[in-house]
């Protein structure tokens, strides 16, 4: 395996690079996620470990020796899976490495938007102590939390919310009810939830699936928290709902355009909390992802079955 190259457009924690080196692989660290940079710097790669950047057929064809694309995370919508499969390239991800971290961040953002933490802190730093008098927070106790997408992360969110004494409802055609979680119809969730938490996969069926109709169904004092993918929400409809106070507010960690342009209409709205895709951006999670991705790269290049394969070769 000594002649095989693993290309990293972004650097990863040392533990991942150590695993790759111990397996006799050459690790090449690139200069960033720009498409042309990846094409030029990764030309000799047998494996690549990427983040959320697009990885299409053109990039694959620029790497004729490529055998495996490892996605550092759970979602793989940025990778052209059909093109990879057609070219015999294995795609793997790290679905178990980040679930707990994303669930923790989701609950943190729910609390932050409910208690108005960002705006109150901002006001304090602007010497406006009395801002709090006209911008009261809300208690979570006794409220209804709706989880849209009750997979691994959605279930962890429900588990972490148990101590807050909330009613939890969820929507997922493939999941069963759990203790203290009631499965409901989709419209029921939007109508009854005080907090709508989005944990759906980014697939054609979910793209732009939350828009004006859903915001109109929501209570005017309800919040939406999106930790999944920006493409799931029609952002123009969300901006309209926030400006008209059709809903109380939103906490968003993901966006259709990333990085989010400072000119985006979401920026500066008082009833929205914006964070730069940080749900799994922790020391521990980055380390777990590097380990899982590196182990599967090693397996594929050794001709063995990877643990977290996305497609079938």
Foldseek 3Di string as FASTA:
>chain_A
DQPAEEEEQADFDPVLVVLCVVLNYHYHYFPHDDLVRLLVRVQAHQEYEDEQAADELVSVVSNLNHAEYEYLEDADVSYPVVSCVVSNHWYFYQYPLFLLLLLVVLVVLVQCLQQVVVVCVVCVVVVNNCPCVVPGGDQQAAFEEEEEDCDSNNVSNVVVCVVSNYQYEYEDPVDDADVSYHYDDPLCRLQRHLEYEYADHDDPVQFQCAFQVSLLNHQLAHEYEYLHEQRNHPVVRVLVCLVVSSHQAYEYQYHPDPVPDCPDSVHPRSSYHYHPNCSRVDPSSSVSSSNLRSVQVSQVVVVHHRDGTDDDD
